[in-house]
C-alpha cells in the first residue's frame, strides 16, 4: 500500500508543477526532462478525473432507474 501512496503523491506532484509554473513545465517537456514520468502521470490523473466525473454524473441516473 505504501508504494501506491508514494506513486499517487508523485503523480500529484507533476500536476502541481504544471499548475505552478506552466512555462517551466513546458520547457522541461521540450528538453525531454523526465518526459516519460510526466506523460504517465498526466495520463493517469486525467483518467482518474474522467472516471470520477463519469461516476458522479452517472449516479443520479442510476438512482432514478430503480
PDB file of N, CA and C in Angstrom:
ATOM      1  N   UNK A   1       0.827  -1.204   0.000  1.00  0.00           N
ATOM      2  CA  UNK A   1       0.000   0.000   0.000  1.00  0.00           C
ATOM      3  C   UNK A   1       0.864   1.258   0.000  1.00  0.00           C
ATOM      4  N   UNK A   2       1.992   1.193   0.639  1.00  0.00           N
ATOM      5  CA  UNK A   2       2.869   2.351   0.754  1.00  0.00           C
ATOM      6  C   UNK A   2       3.381   2.787  -0.622  1.00  0.00           C
ATOM      7  N   UNK A   3       3.678   1.838  -1.505  1.00  0.00           N
ATOM      8  CA  UNK A   3       4.152   2.174  -2.847  1.00  0.00           C
ATOM      9  C   UNK A   3       3.066   2.873  -3.658  1.00  0.00           C
ATOM     10  N   UNK A   4       1.814   2.435  -3.504  1.00  0.00           N
ATOM     11  CA  UNK A   4       0.708   3.087  -4.211  1.00  0.00           C
ATOM     12  C   UNK A   4       0.564   4.534  -3.756  1.00  0.00           C
ATOM     13  N   UNK A   5       0.664   4.756  -2.462  1.00  0.00           N
ATOM     14  CA  UNK A   5       0.550   6.116  -1.926  1.00  0.00           C
ATOM     15  C   UNK A   5       1.672   6.994  -2.464  1.00  0.00           C
ATOM     16  N   UNK A   6       2.897   6.456  -2.473  1.00  0.00           N
ATOM     17  CA  UNK A   6       4.046   7.211  -2.968  1.00  0.00           C
ATOM     18  C   UNK A   6       3.868   7.542  -4.447  1.00  0.00           C
ATOM     19  N   UNK A   7       3.391   6.576  -5.228  1.00  0.00           N
ATOM     20  CA  UNK A   7       3.168   6.797  -6.652  1.00  0.00           C
ATOM     21  C   UNK A   7       2.103   7.871  -6.869  1.00  0.00           C
ATOM     22  N   UNK A   8       1.026   7.828  -6.086  1.00  0.00           N
ATOM     23  CA  UNK A   8      -0.025   8.829  -6.194  1.00  0.00           C
ATOM     24  C   UNK A   8       0.477  10.221  -5.859  1.00  0.00           C
ATOM     25  N   UNK A   9       1.329  10.317  -4.866  1.00  0.00           N
ATOM     26  CA  UNK A   9       1.903  11.608  -4.478  1.00  0.00           C
ATOM     27  C   UNK A   9       2.799  12.133  -5.594  1.00  0.00           C
ATOM     28  N   UNK A  10       3.573  11.247  -6.218  1.00  0.00           N
ATOM     29  CA  UNK A  10       4.432  11.667  -7.329  1.00  0.00           C
ATOM     30  C   UNK A  10       3.601  12.185  -8.498  1.00  0.00           C
ATOM     31  N   UNK A  11       2.508  11.499  -8.805  1.00  0.00           N
ATOM     32  CA  UNK A  11       1.634  11.939  -9.891  1.00  0.00           C
ATOM     33  C   UNK A  11       1.044  13.307  -9.581  1.00  0.00           C
ATOM     34  N   UNK A  12       0.604  13.477  -8.366  1.00  0.00           N
ATOM     35  CA  UNK A  12       0.035  14.751  -7.960  1.00  0.00           C
ATOM     36  C   UNK A  12       1.085  15.852  -8.043  1.00  0.00           C
ATOM     37  N   UNK A  13       2.323  15.522  -7.698  1.00  0.00           N
ATOM     38  CA  UNK A  13       3.418  16.492  -7.783  1.00  0.00           C
ATOM     39  C   UNK A  13       3.640  16.986  -9.199  1.00  0.00           C
ATOM     40  N   UNK A  14       3.502  16.115 -10.179  1.00  0.00           N
ATOM     41  CA  UNK A  14       3.633  16.518 -11.579  1.00  0.00           C
ATOM     42  C   UNK A  14       2.549  17.530 -11.925  1.00  0.00           C
ATOM     43  N   UNK A  15       1.333  17.268 -11.490  1.00  0.00           N
ATOM     44  CA  UNK A  15       0.232  18.200 -11.753  1.00  0.00           C
ATOM     45  C   UNK A  15       0.467  19.548 -11.068  1.00  0.00           C
ATOM     46  N   UNK A  16       0.924  19.526  -9.842  1.00  0.00           N
ATOM     47  CA  UNK A  16       1.195  20.769  -9.111  1.00  0.00           C
ATOM     48  C   UNK A  16       2.268  21.582  -9.827  1.00  0.00           C
ATOM     49  N   UNK A  17       3.319  20.904 -10.296  1.00  0.00           N
ATOM     50  CA  UNK A  17       4.371  21.616 -11.032  1.00  0.00           C
ATOM     51  C   UNK A  17       3.822  22.252 -12.304  1.00  0.00           C
ATOM     52  N   UNK A  18       2.942  21.550 -12.985  1.00  0.00           N
ATOM     53  CA  UNK A  18       2.322  22.113 -14.185  1.00  0.00           C
ATOM     54  C   UNK A  18       1.513  23.358 -13.842  1.00  0.00           C
ATOM     55  N   UNK A  19       0.721  23.273 -12.789  1.00  0.00           N
ATOM     56  CA  UNK A  19      -0.122  24.402 -12.405  1.00  0.00           C
ATOM     57  C   UNK A  19       0.685  25.565 -11.831  1.00  0.00           C
ATOM     58  N   UNK A  20       1.775  25.257 -11.167  1.00  0.00           N
ATOM     59  CA  UNK A  20       2.581  26.297 -10.517  1.00  0.00           C
ATOM     60  C   UNK A  20       3.319  27.149 -11.550  1.00  0.00           C
ATOM     61  N   UNK A  21       3.962  26.492 -12.513  1.00  0.00           N
ATOM     62  CA  UNK A  21       4.767  27.228 -13.489  1.00  0.00           C
ATOM     63  C   UNK A  21       4.663  26.543 -14.846  1.00  0.00           C
ATOM     64  N   UNK A  22       3.639  26.901 -15.563  1.00  0.00           N
ATOM     65  CA  UNK A  22       3.344  26.243 -16.836  1.00  0.00           C
ATOM     66  C   UNK A  22       4.492  26.390 -17.832  1.00  0.00           C
ATOM     67  N   UNK A  23       5.071  27.576 -17.906  1.00  0.00           N
ATOM     68  CA  UNK A  23       6.157  27.808 -18.860  1.00  0.00           C
ATOM     69  C   UNK A  23       7.362  26.913 -18.570  1.00  0.00           C
ATOM     70  N   UNK A  24       7.745  26.809 -17.320  1.00  0.00           N
ATOM     71  CA  UNK A  24       8.880  25.956 -16.953  1.00  0.00           C
ATOM     72  C   UNK A  24       8.556  24.492 -17.230  1.00  0.00           C
ATOM     73  N   UNK A  25       7.328  24.097 -16.954  1.00  0.00           N
ATOM     74  CA  UNK A  25       6.892  22.728 -17.195  1.00  0.00           C
ATOM     75  C   UNK A  25       6.990  22.403 -18.689  1.00  0.00           C
ATOM     76  N   UNK A  26       6.485  23.313 -19.526  1.00  0.00           N
ATOM     77  CA  UNK A  26       6.543  23.097 -20.974  1.00  0.00           C
ATOM     78  C   UNK A  26       7.978  23.107 -21.490  1.00  0.00           C
ATOM     79  N   UNK A  27       8.813  23.934 -20.903  1.00  0.00           N
ATOM     80  CA  UNK A  27      10.230  23.958 -21.292  1.00  0.00           C
ATOM     81  C   UNK A  27      10.910  22.636 -20.946  1.00  0.00           C
ATOM     82  N   UNK A  28      10.586  22.070 -19.789  1.00  0.00           N
ATOM     83  CA  UNK A  28      11.126  20.757 -19.431  1.00  0.00           C
ATOM     84  C   UNK A  28      10.678  19.694 -20.424  1.00  0.00           C
ATOM     85  N   UNK A  29       9.449  19.790 -20.893  1.00  0.00           N
ATOM     86  CA  UNK A  29       8.955  18.841 -21.894  1.00  0.00           C
ATOM     87  C   UNK A  29       9.756  18.995 -23.186  1.00  0.00           C
ATOM     88  N   UNK A  30       9.985  20.229 -23.608  1.00  0.00           N
ATOM     89  CA  UNK A  30      10.781  20.462 -24.827  1.00  0.00           C
ATOM     90  C   UNK A  30      12.189  19.879 -24.693  1.00  0.00           C
ATOM     91  N   UNK A  31      12.748  19.954 -23.499  1.00  0.00           N
ATOM     92  CA  UNK A  31      14.107  19.456 -23.254  1.00  0.00           C
ATOM     93  C   UNK A  31      14.126  17.957 -22.955  1.00  0.00           C
ATOM     94  N   UNK A  32      12.953  17.369 -22.775  1.00  0.00           N
ATOM     95  CA  UNK A  32      12.876  15.929 -22.502  1.00  0.00           C
ATOM     96  C   UNK A  32      13.180  15.553 -21.061  1.00  0.00           C
ATOM     97  N   UNK A  33      13.053  16.498 -20.137  1.00  0.00           N
ATOM     98  CA  UNK A  33      13.334  16.249 -18.728  1.00  0.00           C
ATOM     99  C   UNK A  33      12.217  15.397 -18.125  1.00  0.00           C
ATOM    100  N   UNK A  34      12.571  14.180 -17.721  1.00  0.00           N
ATOM    101  CA  UNK A  34      11.629  13.244 -17.102  1.00  0.00           C
ATOM    102  C   UNK A  34      10.318  13.172 -17.898  1.00  0.00           C
ATOM    103  N   UNK A  35      10.464  13.115 -19.188  1.00  0.00           N
ATOM    104  CA  UNK A  35       9.313  13.152 -20.088  1.00  0.00           C
ATOM    105  C   UNK A  35       8.361  11.974 -19.872  1.00  0.00           C
ATOM    106  N   UNK A  36       8.909  10.768 -19.766  1.00  0.00           N
ATOM    107  CA  UNK A  36       8.057   9.593 -19.577  1.00  0.00           C
ATOM    108  C   UNK A  36       7.260   9.697 -18.281  1.00  0.00           C
ATOM    109  N   UNK A  37       7.878  10.208 -17.231  1.00  0.00           N
ATOM    110  CA  UNK A  37       7.203  10.381 -15.950  1.00  0.00           C
ATOM    111  C   UNK A  37       6.045  11.376 -16.077  1.00  0.00           C
ATOM    112  N   UNK A  38       6.274  12.472 -16.776  1.00  0.00           N
ATOM    113  CA  UNK A  38       5.231  13.478 -16.959  1.00  0.00           C
ATOM    114  C   UNK A  38       4.060  12.915 -17.764  1.00  0.00           C
ATOM    115  N   UNK A  39       4.375  12.227 -18.847  1.00  0.00           N
ATOM    116  CA  UNK A  39       3.332  11.653 -19.697  1.00  0.00           C
ATOM    117  C   UNK A  39       2.484  10.670 -18.900  1.00  0.00           C
ATOM    118  N   UNK A  40       3.146   9.755 -18.208  1.00  0.00           N
ATOM    119  CA  UNK A  40       2.426   8.740 -17.430  1.00  0.00           C
ATOM    120  C   UNK A  40       1.560   9.371 -16.354  1.00  0.00           C
ATOM    121  N   UNK A  41       2.114  10.314 -15.625  1.00  0.00           N
ATOM    122  CA  UNK A  41       1.384  10.945 -14.532  1.00  0.00           C
ATOM    123  C   UNK A  41       0.160  11.701 -15.024  1.00  0.00           C
ATOM    124  N   UNK A  42       0.330  12.485 -16.076  1.00  0.00           N
ATOM    125  CA  UNK A  42      -0.803  13.251 -16.593  1.00  0.00           C
ATOM    126  C   UNK A  42      -1.869  12.339 -17.187  1.00  0.00           C
ATOM    127  N   UNK A  43      -1.453  11.256 -17.823  1.00  0.00           N
ATOM    128  CA  UNK A  43      -2.411  10.304 -18.372  1.00  0.00           C
ATOM    129  C   UNK A  43      -3.232   9.655 -17.256  1.00  0.00           C
ATOM    130  N   UNK A  44      -2.548   9.202 -16.220  1.00  0.00           N
ATOM    131  CA  UNK A  44      -3.241   8.534 -15.105  1.00  0.00           C
ATOM    132  C   UNK A  44      -4.153   9.515 -14.381  1.00  0.00           C
ATOM    133  N   UNK A  45      -3.683  10.729 -14.145  1.00  0.00           N
ATOM    134  CA  UNK A  45      -4.518  11.728 -13.471  1.00  0.00           C
ATOM    135  C   UNK A  45      -5.742  12.094 -14.306  1.00  0.00           C
ATOM    136  N   UNK A  46      -5.569  12.215 -15.605  1.00  0.00           N
ATOM    137  CA  UNK A  46      -6.725  12.558 -16.437  1.00  0.00           C
ATOM    138  C   UNK A  46      -7.729  11.410 -16.449  1.00  0.00           C
ATOM    139  N   UNK A  47      -7.240  10.187 -16.436  1.00  0.00           N
ATOM    140  CA  UNK A  47      -8.137   9.029 -16.383  1.00  0.00           C
ATOM    141  C   UNK A  47      -8.920   9.023 -15.064  1.00  0.00           C
ATOM    142  N   UNK A  48      -8.231   9.303 -13.974  1.00  0.00           N
ATOM    143  CA  UNK A  48      -8.907   9.332 -12.667  1.00  0.00           C
ATOM    144  C   UNK A  48      -9.961  10.428 -12.624  1.00  0.00           C
ATOM    145  N   UNK A  49      -9.645  11.582 -13.181  1.00  0.00           N
ATOM    146  CA  UNK A  49     -10.614  12.684 -13.188  1.00  0.00           C
ATOM    147  C   UNK A  49     -11.821  12.332 -14.040  1.00  0.00           C
ATOM    148  N   UNK A  50     -11.578  11.762 -15.204  1.00  0.00           N
ATOM    149  CA  UNK A  50     -12.698  11.388 -16.086  1.00  0.00           C
ATOM    150  C   UNK A  50     -13.557  10.314 -15.440  1.00  0.00           C
ATOM    151  N   UNK A  51     -12.930   9.345 -14.810  1.00  0.00           N
ATOM    152  CA  UNK A  51     -13.671   8.280 -14.153  1.00  0.00           C
ATOM    153  C   UNK A  51     -14.501   8.831 -13.008  1.00  0.00           C
ATOM    154  N   UNK A  52     -13.932   9.723 -12.220  1.00  0.00           N
ATOM    155  CA  UNK A  52     -14.663  10.331 -11.108  1.00  0.00           C
ATOM    156  C   UNK A  52     -15.853  11.129 -11.609  1.00  0.00           C
ATOM    157  N   UNK A  53     -15.641  11.901 -12.663  1.00  0.00           N
ATOM    158  CA  UNK A  53     -16.725  12.713 -13.225  1.00  0.00           C
ATOM    159  C   UNK A  53     -17.811  11.821 -13.808  1.00  0.00           C
ATOM    160  N   UNK A  54     -17.416  10.769 -14.492  1.00  0.00           N
ATOM    161  CA  UNK A  54     -18.386   9.836 -15.067  1.00  0.00           C
ATOM    162  C   UNK A  54     -19.242   9.224 -13.965  1.00  0.00           C
ATOM    163  N   UNK A  55     -18.607   8.789 -12.885  1.00  0.00           N
ATOM    164  CA  UNK A  55     -19.355   8.194 -11.776  1.00  0.00           C
ATOM    165  C   UNK A  55     -20.271   9.211 -11.103  1.00  0.00           C
ATOM    166  N   UNK A  56     -19.830  10.448 -11.007  1.00  0.00           N
ATOM    167  CA  UNK A  56     -20.643  11.489 -10.388  1.00  0.00           C
ATOM    168  C   UNK A  56     -21.895  11.763 -11.229  1.00  0.00           C
ATOM    169  N   UNK A  57     -21.729  11.829 -12.529  1.00  0.00           N
ATOM    170  CA  UNK A  57     -22.856  12.111 -13.417  1.00  0.00           C
ATOM    171  C   UNK A  57     -23.780  10.905 -13.514  1.00  0.00           C
ATOM    172  N   UNK A  58     -23.222   9.742 -13.508  1.00  0.00           N
ATOM    173  CA  UNK A  58     -23.986   8.511 -13.689  1.00  0.00           C
ATOM    174  C   UNK A  58     -24.830   8.149 -12.467  1.00  0.00           C
ATOM    175  N   UNK A  59     -24.362   8.486 -11.290  1.00  0.00           N
ATOM    176  CA  UNK A  59     -25.027   8.071 -10.045  1.00  0.00           C
ATOM    177  C   UNK A  59     -26.478   8.543  -9.962  1.00  0.00           C
ATOM    178  N   UNK A  60     -26.809   9.819 -10.184  1.00  0.00           N
ATOM    179  CA  UNK A  60     -28.214  10.212 -10.099  1.00  0.00           C
ATOM    180  C   UNK A  60     -29.087   9.469 -11.134  1.00  0.00           C
ATOM    181  N   UNK A  61     -28.527   9.211 -12.294  1.00  0.00           N
ATOM    182  CA  UNK A  61     -29.280   8.487 -13.322  1.00  0.00           C
ATOM    183  C   UNK A  61     -29.620   7.077 -12.844  1.00  0.00           C
ATOM    184  N   UNK A  62     -28.666   6.413 -12.204  1.00  0.00           N
ATOM    185  CA  UNK A  62     -28.913   5.068 -11.692  1.00  0.00           C
ATOM    186  C   UNK A  62     -29.974   5.086 -10.603  1.00  0.00           C
ATOM    187  N   UNK A  63     -29.960   6.088  -9.763  1.00  0.00           N
ATOM    188  CA  UNK A  63     -30.942   6.171  -8.684  1.00  0.00           C
ATOM    189  C   UNK A  63     -32.349   6.330  -9.251  1.00  0.00           C
ATOM    190  N   UNK A  64     -32.479   7.076 -10.326  1.00  0.00           N
ATOM    191  CA  UNK A  64     -33.795   7.280 -10.953  1.00  0.00           C
ATOM    192  C   UNK A  64     -34.306   6.047 -11.674  1.00  0.00           C
ATOM    193  N   UNK A  65     -33.421   5.144 -12.039  1.00  0.00           N
ATOM    194  CA  UNK A  65     -33.820   3.948 -12.772  1.00  0.00           C
ATOM    195  C   UNK A  65     -34.393   2.866 -11.871  1.00  0.00           C
ATOM    196  N   UNK A  66     -34.106   2.925 -10.595  1.00  0.00           N
ATOM    197  CA  UNK A  66     -34.577   1.886  -9.650  1.00  0.00           C
ATOM    198  C   UNK A  66     -36.033   2.022  -9.315  1.00  0.00           C
TER     199      UNK A  66
END
